[in-house]
Amino acid sequence: MNKVILMGRLTRDPDVRYTQGDNAMCVARYTIAVDRRVSRTAANNSGEPTADFISCVAFGRQGEFAEKYLHKGIKIAVEGRIQTGSYTNKDGQKVYTTDIVIENHEFCESKNAASDGGNFSGYSGGGQAASGVAGTSGGSAEDEFLNIPDTVDDLPFVDK
């Protein structure tokens, strides 16, 4: 089984391109920074958390979703599979690649937290897509999210 689930923040806006031909397909590439919890060791005397930078690629409708809704700093959860490959660069050296091929995206914070640069304390969930990739069914993505007023305090999934 090849299944990956990661949560992190985009390090930059997605790089979006379209394939050539009659059936042009969107290909979005981006990197997410995934926190790694580390205890104090000789290699990391400060005990500060570190991050892994994971390359992701989304094809088709998932790529279009990334182009439209994802931007630098946004916190997302991705589900997909690991894909490895290799190519020979212009210097004749073989380069090995490892990417996560995205099957689903989900938002991991409210719009307020995302626009605040992720510094919205006390709220770490919500804003998730209903099922699969938001915005990829027939309607618009806005139709698939329930708007909850900021004044609501008693949501069952929010820890206080």
N, C-alpha and C. Protein backbone atom coordinates (compact mmCIF):
# COMPACT_ATOMS: atom_id res chain seq x y z
N MET A 1 0.85 -1.18 0.00
CA MET A 1 0.00 0.00 0.00
C MET A 1 0.89 1.23 0.00
N ASN A 2 0.54 2.20 -0.81
CA ASN A 2 1.30 3.44 -0.93
C ASN A 2 0.34 4.58 -0.62
N LYS A 3 0.32 5.04 0.64
CA LYS A 3 -0.62 6.06 1.10
C LYS A 3 0.11 7.04 1.99
N VAL A 4 -0.06 8.34 1.72
CA VAL A 4 0.61 9.37 2.49
C VAL A 4 -0.42 10.41 2.91
N ILE A 5 -0.37 10.81 4.18
CA ILE A 5 -1.19 11.90 4.68
C ILE A 5 -0.25 12.86 5.41
N LEU A 6 -0.24 14.12 4.98
CA LEU A 6 0.64 15.12 5.56
C LEU A 6 -0.13 16.39 5.87
N MET A 7 0.34 17.14 6.87
CA MET A 7 -0.23 18.45 7.17
C MET A 7 0.92 19.42 7.30
N GLY A 8 0.80 20.54 6.62
CA GLY A 8 1.85 21.54 6.69
C GLY A 8 1.45 22.82 5.99
N ARG A 9 2.40 23.73 5.88
CA ARG A 9 2.16 25.02 5.24
C ARG A 9 2.93 25.10 3.93
N LEU A 10 2.30 25.74 2.93
CA LEU A 10 2.96 25.94 1.65
C LEU A 10 4.13 26.90 1.83
N THR A 11 5.26 26.56 1.25
CA THR A 11 6.45 27.41 1.36
C THR A 11 6.44 28.52 0.32
N ARG A 12 5.66 28.36 -0.73
CA ARG A 12 5.53 29.38 -1.78
C ARG A 12 4.25 29.09 -2.54
N ASP A 13 3.84 30.02 -3.40
CA ASP A 13 2.66 29.80 -4.23
C ASP A 13 2.93 28.62 -5.18
N PRO A 14 1.88 27.86 -5.51
CA PRO A 14 2.08 26.73 -6.43
C PRO A 14 2.60 27.18 -7.79
N ASP A 15 3.46 26.38 -8.40
CA ASP A 15 3.94 26.59 -9.76
C ASP A 15 3.00 25.80 -10.66
N VAL A 16 2.19 26.50 -11.44
CA VAL A 16 1.14 25.86 -12.24
C VAL A 16 1.49 25.96 -13.72
N ARG A 17 1.35 24.82 -14.39
CA ARG A 17 1.56 24.75 -15.84
C ARG A 17 0.49 23.86 -16.44
N TYR A 18 0.30 23.97 -17.72
CA TYR A 18 -0.67 23.14 -18.43
C TYR A 18 0.05 22.33 -19.49
N THR A 19 -0.35 21.07 -19.64
CA THR A 19 0.25 20.22 -20.66
C THR A 19 -0.20 20.67 -22.03
N GLN A 20 0.55 20.29 -23.06
CA GLN A 20 0.22 20.64 -24.44
C GLN A 20 -0.75 19.61 -25.01
N GLY A 21 -1.43 19.98 -26.07
CA GLY A 21 -2.28 19.02 -26.79
C GLY A 21 -3.75 19.32 -26.64
N ASP A 22 -4.56 18.43 -27.19
CA ASP A 22 -6.01 18.60 -27.19
C ASP A 22 -6.59 18.51 -25.79
N ASN A 23 -6.11 17.61 -25.00
CA ASN A 23 -6.60 17.43 -23.63
C ASN A 23 -5.62 18.02 -22.64
N ALA A 24 -5.46 19.34 -22.66
CA ALA A 24 -4.51 20.00 -21.76
C ALA A 24 -4.91 19.74 -20.31
N MET A 25 -3.92 19.40 -19.50
CA MET A 25 -4.16 19.09 -18.09
C MET A 25 -3.32 20.02 -17.22
N CYS A 26 -3.92 20.46 -16.13
CA CYS A 26 -3.22 21.32 -15.18
C CYS A 26 -2.26 20.48 -14.34
N VAL A 27 -1.06 21.00 -14.14
CA VAL A 27 -0.07 20.37 -13.26
C VAL A 27 0.43 21.44 -12.31
N ALA A 28 0.13 21.26 -11.02
CA ALA A 28 0.56 22.23 -10.00
C ALA A 28 1.60 21.58 -9.11
N ARG A 29 2.73 22.25 -8.94
CA ARG A 29 3.80 21.77 -8.06
C ARG A 29 3.98 22.77 -6.93
N TYR A 30 4.12 22.24 -5.73
CA TYR A 30 4.38 23.08 -4.56
C TYR A 30 5.07 22.27 -3.50
N THR A 31 5.59 22.97 -2.52
CA THR A 31 6.29 22.32 -1.41
C THR A 31 5.58 22.70 -0.12
N ILE A 32 5.38 21.70 0.74
CA ILE A 32 4.82 22.01 2.06
C ILE A 32 5.87 21.72 3.13
N ALA A 33 5.89 22.60 4.13
CA ALA A 33 6.77 22.42 5.28
C ALA A 33 5.98 21.68 6.35
N VAL A 34 6.45 20.50 6.70
CA VAL A 34 5.79 19.65 7.68
C VAL A 34 6.65 19.62 8.94
N ASP A 35 6.07 20.07 10.06
CA ASP A 35 6.81 20.11 11.32
C ASP A 35 7.24 18.71 11.73
N ARG A 36 8.45 18.65 12.26
CA ARG A 36 8.98 17.41 12.81
C ARG A 36 9.27 17.66 14.28
N ARG A 37 8.61 16.92 15.13
CA ARG A 37 8.87 17.07 16.56
C ARG A 37 10.18 16.38 16.91
N VAL A 38 11.07 17.12 17.54
CA VAL A 38 12.40 16.61 17.83
C VAL A 38 12.70 16.86 19.30
N SER A 39 13.23 15.85 19.96
CA SER A 39 13.66 16.05 21.34
C SER A 39 15.07 16.62 21.32
N ARG A 40 15.51 17.08 22.45
CA ARG A 40 16.87 17.63 22.53
C ARG A 40 17.90 16.55 22.28
N THR A 41 18.74 16.79 21.32
CA THR A 41 19.82 15.86 20.99
C THR A 41 21.08 16.66 20.75
N ALA A 42 22.14 15.94 20.57
CA ALA A 42 23.41 16.62 20.28
C ALA A 42 23.32 17.37 18.96
N ALA A 43 22.53 16.84 18.02
CA ALA A 43 22.41 17.49 16.72
C ALA A 43 21.51 18.72 16.78
N ASN A 44 20.62 18.76 17.75
CA ASN A 44 19.67 19.87 17.84
C ASN A 44 19.62 20.35 19.29
N ASN A 45 20.62 21.08 19.71
CA ASN A 45 20.73 21.51 21.11
C ASN A 45 19.61 22.42 21.56
N SER A 46 19.00 23.14 20.65
CA SER A 46 17.97 24.10 21.04
C SER A 46 16.64 23.43 21.35
N GLY A 47 16.40 22.23 20.85
CA GLY A 47 15.13 21.58 21.06
C GLY A 47 14.01 22.20 20.24
N GLU A 48 14.35 23.12 19.34
CA GLU A 48 13.37 23.78 18.49
C GLU A 48 12.82 22.79 17.48
N PRO A 49 11.53 22.94 17.13
CA PRO A 49 11.00 22.06 16.09
C PRO A 49 11.66 22.35 14.75
N THR A 50 11.81 21.33 13.96
CA THR A 50 12.35 21.48 12.62
C THR A 50 11.27 21.05 11.64
N ALA A 51 11.52 21.22 10.37
CA ALA A 51 10.52 20.87 9.37
C ALA A 51 11.16 20.08 8.24
N ASP A 52 10.35 19.23 7.65
CA ASP A 52 10.71 18.57 6.41
C ASP A 52 9.99 19.30 5.29
N PHE A 53 10.66 19.46 4.16
CA PHE A 53 10.08 20.16 3.03
C PHE A 53 9.75 19.12 1.97
N ILE A 54 8.46 18.89 1.78
CA ILE A 54 7.97 17.80 0.95
C ILE A 54 7.45 18.35 -0.37
N SER A 55 7.98 17.81 -1.48
CA SER A 55 7.53 18.21 -2.82
C SER A 55 6.23 17.50 -3.16
N CYS A 56 5.26 18.27 -3.66
CA CYS A 56 3.96 17.74 -4.01
C CYS A 56 3.63 18.12 -5.45
N VAL A 57 2.86 17.27 -6.11
CA VAL A 57 2.39 17.56 -7.46
C VAL A 57 0.92 17.15 -7.54
N ALA A 58 0.11 18.04 -8.10
CA ALA A 58 -1.32 17.79 -8.25
C ALA A 58 -1.68 17.91 -9.72
N PHE A 59 -2.41 16.92 -10.22
CA PHE A 59 -2.79 16.88 -11.62
C PHE A 59 -4.28 17.14 -11.79
N GLY A 60 -4.66 17.64 -12.96
CA GLY A 60 -6.06 17.78 -13.32
C GLY A 60 -6.82 18.72 -12.41
N ARG A 61 -7.97 18.25 -11.91
CA ARG A 61 -8.82 19.10 -11.08
C ARG A 61 -8.14 19.48 -9.76
N GLN A 62 -7.34 18.58 -9.22
CA GLN A 62 -6.60 18.92 -8.00
C GLN A 62 -5.60 20.03 -8.27
N GLY A 63 -4.99 20.01 -9.44
CA GLY A 63 -4.07 21.08 -9.84
C GLY A 63 -4.79 22.41 -10.01
N GLU A 64 -5.98 22.36 -10.60
CA GLU A 64 -6.77 23.58 -10.76
C GLU A 64 -7.19 24.14 -9.40
N PHE A 65 -7.54 23.25 -8.48
CA PHE A 65 -7.88 23.67 -7.12
C PHE A 65 -6.69 24.37 -6.48
N ALA A 66 -5.51 23.77 -6.62
CA ALA A 66 -4.29 24.37 -6.05
C ALA A 66 -4.04 25.74 -6.65
N GLU A 67 -4.22 25.86 -7.96
CA GLU A 67 -4.00 27.14 -8.63
C GLU A 67 -4.94 28.22 -8.10
N LYS A 68 -6.17 27.86 -7.86
CA LYS A 68 -7.19 28.83 -7.48
C LYS A 68 -7.17 29.18 -5.99
N TYR A 69 -6.93 28.20 -5.12
CA TYR A 69 -7.14 28.41 -3.69
C TYR A 69 -5.90 28.36 -2.80
N LEU A 70 -4.82 27.76 -3.27
CA LEU A 70 -3.66 27.62 -2.41
C LEU A 70 -2.66 28.74 -2.65
N HIS A 71 -2.04 29.18 -1.57
CA HIS A 71 -1.03 30.24 -1.65
C HIS A 71 -0.03 30.06 -0.52
N LYS A 72 1.06 30.76 -0.61
CA LYS A 72 2.13 30.67 0.37
C LYS A 72 1.59 30.89 1.78
N GLY A 73 1.97 30.00 2.71
CA GLY A 73 1.62 30.15 4.12
C GLY A 73 0.36 29.44 4.55
N ILE A 74 -0.49 29.04 3.61
CA ILE A 74 -1.75 28.39 3.98
C ILE A 74 -1.47 26.99 4.53
N LYS A 75 -2.21 26.62 5.57
CA LYS A 75 -2.04 25.31 6.19
C LYS A 75 -3.05 24.34 5.59
N ILE A 76 -2.53 23.24 5.02
CA ILE A 76 -3.39 22.25 4.39
C ILE A 76 -2.99 20.85 4.82
N ALA A 77 -3.93 19.94 4.65
CA ALA A 77 -3.66 18.51 4.78
C ALA A 77 -3.77 17.93 3.38
N VAL A 78 -2.84 17.08 3.03
CA VAL A 78 -2.87 16.45 1.71
C VAL A 78 -2.87 14.94 1.89
N GLU A 79 -3.49 14.29 0.94
CA GLU A 79 -3.53 12.83 0.90
C GLU A 79 -3.09 12.43 -0.48
N GLY A 80 -2.24 11.43 -0.57
CA GLY A 80 -1.76 11.01 -1.87
C GLY A 80 -0.88 9.79 -1.77
N ARG A 81 0.03 9.69 -2.73
CA ARG A 81 0.95 8.55 -2.78
C ARG A 81 2.34 9.05 -3.13
N ILE A 82 3.34 8.31 -2.71
CA ILE A 82 4.73 8.65 -3.03
C ILE A 82 5.04 8.12 -4.42
N GLN A 83 5.69 8.96 -5.21
CA GLN A 83 6.13 8.54 -6.53
C GLN A 83 7.59 8.94 -6.70
N THR A 84 8.41 7.98 -7.06
CA THR A 84 9.83 8.25 -7.28
C THR A 84 10.11 8.22 -8.78
N GLY A 85 11.18 8.87 -9.16
CA GLY A 85 11.57 8.89 -10.56
C GLY A 85 13.00 9.37 -10.69
N SER A 86 13.45 9.47 -11.92
CA SER A 86 14.79 9.98 -12.16
C SER A 86 14.85 10.55 -13.57
N TYR A 87 15.83 11.43 -13.77
CA TYR A 87 16.09 11.99 -15.08
C TYR A 87 17.56 12.39 -15.13
N THR A 88 18.04 12.64 -16.33
CA THR A 88 19.41 13.10 -16.52
C THR A 88 19.38 14.59 -16.80
N ASN A 89 20.07 15.36 -15.97
CA ASN A 89 20.06 16.82 -16.15
C ASN A 89 20.97 17.23 -17.31
N LYS A 90 21.03 18.53 -17.56
CA LYS A 90 21.79 19.03 -18.71
C LYS A 90 23.30 18.81 -18.56
N ASP A 91 23.77 18.57 -17.33
CA ASP A 91 25.18 18.29 -17.10
C ASP A 91 25.50 16.80 -17.22
N GLY A 92 24.48 15.99 -17.56
CA GLY A 92 24.69 14.56 -17.71
C GLY A 92 24.63 13.77 -16.41
N GLN A 93 24.23 14.42 -15.32
CA GLN A 93 24.13 13.73 -14.04
C GLN A 93 22.72 13.20 -13.84
N LYS A 94 22.62 12.01 -13.27
CA LYS A 94 21.31 11.42 -12.99
C LYS A 94 20.77 12.04 -11.70
N VAL A 95 19.52 12.53 -11.76
CA VAL A 95 18.87 13.16 -10.62
C VAL A 95 17.67 12.29 -10.23
N TYR A 96 17.59 11.94 -8.94
CA TYR A 96 16.49 11.14 -8.43
C TYR A 96 15.47 12.05 -7.77
N THR A 97 14.19 11.78 -8.01
CA THR A 97 13.13 12.62 -7.48
C THR A 97 12.18 11.80 -6.61
N THR A 98 11.58 12.45 -5.63
CA THR A 98 10.52 11.87 -4.82
C THR A 98 9.46 12.95 -4.64
N ASP A 99 8.24 12.66 -5.07
CA ASP A 99 7.13 13.59 -4.98
C ASP A 99 5.94 12.89 -4.34
N ILE A 100 5.06 13.68 -3.75
CA ILE A 100 3.77 13.19 -3.31
C ILE A 100 2.78 13.56 -4.40
N VAL A 101 2.13 12.58 -5.01
CA VAL A 101 1.09 12.83 -6.00
C VAL A 101 -0.21 13.01 -5.23
N ILE A 102 -0.77 14.20 -5.31
CA ILE A 102 -1.92 14.58 -4.49
C ILE A 102 -3.21 13.99 -5.04
N GLU A 103 -3.96 13.37 -4.13
CA GLU A 103 -5.28 12.86 -4.47
C GLU A 103 -6.37 13.74 -3.84
N ASN A 104 -6.10 14.32 -2.67
CA ASN A 104 -7.05 15.19 -1.98
C ASN A 104 -6.31 16.30 -1.25
N HIS A 105 -6.95 17.47 -1.19
CA HIS A 105 -6.48 18.60 -0.38
C HIS A 105 -7.57 18.89 0.65
N GLU A 106 -7.19 19.35 1.82
CA GLU A 106 -8.15 19.85 2.79
C GLU A 106 -7.55 21.05 3.52
N PHE A 107 -8.39 22.05 3.76
CA PHE A 107 -7.95 23.21 4.52
C PHE A 107 -7.86 22.83 5.99
N CYS A 108 -6.89 23.39 6.70
CA CYS A 108 -6.68 23.06 8.11
C CYS A 108 -6.82 24.26 9.03
N GLU A 109 -7.30 25.35 8.54
CA GLU A 109 -7.51 26.52 9.39
C GLU A 109 -8.57 27.40 8.76
N SER A 110 -9.08 28.30 9.57
CA SER A 110 -10.10 29.22 9.08
C SER A 110 -9.49 30.24 8.15
N LYS A 111 -10.33 30.93 7.40
CA LYS A 111 -9.82 31.99 6.51
C LYS A 111 -9.14 33.08 7.33
N ASN A 112 -9.68 33.39 8.52
CA ASN A 112 -9.07 34.42 9.37
C ASN A 112 -7.66 34.01 9.78
N ALA A 113 -7.49 32.75 10.14
CA ALA A 113 -6.16 32.28 10.55
C ALA A 113 -5.20 32.31 9.38
N ALA A 114 -5.68 31.95 8.21
CA ALA A 114 -4.81 31.95 7.02
C ALA A 114 -4.39 33.37 6.67
N SER A 115 -5.31 34.33 6.76
CA SER A 115 -4.95 35.70 6.41
C SER A 115 -4.12 36.35 7.50
N ASP A 116 -4.15 35.77 8.69
CA ASP A 116 -3.36 36.26 9.82
C ASP A 116 -1.95 35.69 9.79
N GLY A 117 -1.63 34.90 8.76
CA GLY A 117 -0.31 34.29 8.67
C GLY A 117 -0.19 33.08 9.57
N GLY A 118 -1.34 32.49 9.95
CA GLY A 118 -1.31 31.30 10.78
C GLY A 118 -1.10 31.59 12.24
N ASN A 119 -1.23 32.84 12.67
CA ASN A 119 -0.99 33.19 14.07
C ASN A 119 -2.27 33.30 14.87
N PHE A 120 -3.34 32.69 14.42
CA PHE A 120 -4.63 32.74 15.10
C PHE A 120 -4.63 31.65 16.16
N SER A 121 -4.43 32.02 17.40
CA SER A 121 -4.29 31.01 18.45
C SER A 121 -5.64 30.50 18.90
N GLY A 122 -5.66 29.27 19.38
CA GLY A 122 -6.85 28.69 19.95
C GLY A 122 -7.76 28.01 18.94
N TYR A 123 -7.39 27.97 17.69
CA TYR A 123 -8.24 27.35 16.69
C TYR A 123 -7.36 26.64 15.69
N SER A 124 -7.45 25.33 15.65
CA SER A 124 -6.56 24.60 14.76
C SER A 124 -7.29 23.73 13.76
N GLY A 125 -8.59 23.72 13.78
CA GLY A 125 -9.32 22.84 12.86
C GLY A 125 -10.32 23.60 12.05
N GLY A 126 -11.28 22.85 11.50
CA GLY A 126 -12.36 23.46 10.75
C GLY A 126 -11.95 23.82 9.35
N GLY A 127 -12.92 24.33 8.60
CA GLY A 127 -12.66 24.74 7.24
C GLY A 127 -12.28 23.61 6.32
N GLN A 128 -12.57 22.37 6.72
CA GLN A 128 -12.17 21.25 5.90
C GLN A 128 -13.16 21.02 4.78
N ALA A 129 -12.67 20.47 3.71
CA ALA A 129 -13.54 20.12 2.59
C ALA A 129 -14.45 18.99 3.02
N ALA A 130 -15.63 18.93 2.44
CA ALA A 130 -16.61 17.93 2.82
C ALA A 130 -16.07 16.53 2.56
N SER A 131 -15.85 16.17 1.33
CA SER A 131 -15.23 14.89 1.02
C SER A 131 -14.47 15.06 -0.27
N GLY A 132 -13.30 14.48 -0.34
CA GLY A 132 -12.49 14.64 -1.54
C GLY A 132 -11.93 16.05 -1.60
N VAL A 133 -11.75 16.53 -2.80
CA VAL A 133 -11.14 17.83 -3.02
C VAL A 133 -12.23 18.87 -3.14
N ALA A 134 -12.13 19.91 -2.35
CA ALA A 134 -13.13 20.98 -2.41
C ALA A 134 -13.06 21.65 -3.77
N GLY A 135 -14.22 22.01 -4.27
CA GLY A 135 -14.25 22.73 -5.52
C GLY A 135 -14.09 21.87 -6.74
N THR A 136 -14.11 20.54 -6.59
CA THR A 136 -13.93 19.70 -7.76
C THR A 136 -15.20 18.99 -8.18
N SER A 137 -16.30 19.16 -7.46
CA SER A 137 -17.55 18.63 -7.96
C SER A 137 -18.14 19.66 -8.91
N GLY A 138 -19.35 19.46 -9.35
CA GLY A 138 -19.94 20.32 -10.37
C GLY A 138 -20.02 21.78 -9.99
N GLY A 139 -20.29 22.11 -8.73
CA GLY A 139 -20.49 23.50 -8.33
C GLY A 139 -19.19 24.19 -7.98
N SER A 140 -19.34 25.43 -7.49
CA SER A 140 -18.15 26.16 -7.07
C SER A 140 -17.75 25.74 -5.68
N ALA A 141 -16.52 26.04 -5.29
CA ALA A 141 -16.01 25.64 -3.97
C ALA A 141 -16.78 26.35 -2.87
N GLU A 142 -17.26 27.56 -3.13
CA GLU A 142 -17.98 28.29 -2.11
C GLU A 142 -19.28 27.59 -1.75
N ASP A 143 -19.86 26.85 -2.68
CA ASP A 143 -21.10 26.12 -2.41
C ASP A 143 -20.86 24.95 -1.47
N GLU A 144 -19.63 24.45 -1.37
CA GLU A 144 -19.34 23.26 -0.61
C GLU A 144 -18.93 23.54 0.82
N PHE A 145 -18.79 24.81 1.22
CA PHE A 145 -18.39 25.15 2.57
C PHE A 145 -19.55 25.81 3.29
N LEU A 146 -19.71 25.48 4.54
CA LEU A 146 -20.73 26.09 5.37
C LEU A 146 -20.13 27.32 6.01
N ASN A 147 -20.75 28.47 5.82
CA ASN A 147 -20.25 29.70 6.43
C ASN A 147 -20.71 29.75 7.87
N ILE A 148 -19.77 29.82 8.80
CA ILE A 148 -20.05 29.88 10.22
C ILE A 148 -19.64 31.26 10.70
N PRO A 149 -20.56 31.99 11.33
CA PRO A 149 -20.21 33.33 11.81
C PRO A 149 -19.10 33.27 12.85
N ASP A 150 -18.28 34.32 12.89
CA ASP A 150 -17.17 34.38 13.84
C ASP A 150 -17.65 34.45 15.28
N THR A 151 -18.91 34.81 15.50
CA THR A 151 -19.42 34.97 16.86
C THR A 151 -19.83 33.65 17.50
N VAL A 152 -19.87 32.54 16.75
CA VAL A 152 -20.26 31.25 17.30
C VAL A 152 -19.11 30.70 18.15
N ASP A 153 -19.43 30.38 19.42
CA ASP A 153 -18.39 29.90 20.34
C ASP A 153 -18.52 28.44 20.70
N ASP A 154 -19.64 27.81 20.47
CA ASP A 154 -19.86 26.46 20.99
C ASP A 154 -19.87 25.40 19.90
N LEU A 155 -18.84 25.39 19.07
CA LEU A 155 -18.71 24.37 18.05
C LEU A 155 -18.16 23.10 18.70
N PRO A 156 -18.67 21.94 18.35
CA PRO A 156 -18.28 20.69 19.02
C PRO A 156 -16.84 20.26 18.74
N PHE A 157 -16.24 20.72 17.65
CA PHE A 157 -14.89 20.25 17.30
C PHE A 157 -13.80 21.24 17.68
N VAL A 158 -14.13 22.29 18.39
CA VAL A 158 -13.14 23.29 18.78
C VAL A 158 -12.81 23.10 20.26
N ASP A 159 -11.54 22.87 20.56
CA ASP A 159 -11.10 22.76 21.96
C ASP A 159 -10.97 24.15 22.55
N LYS A 160 -11.41 24.27 23.78
CA LYS A 160 -11.31 25.57 24.44
C LYS A 160 -10.28 25.55 25.52
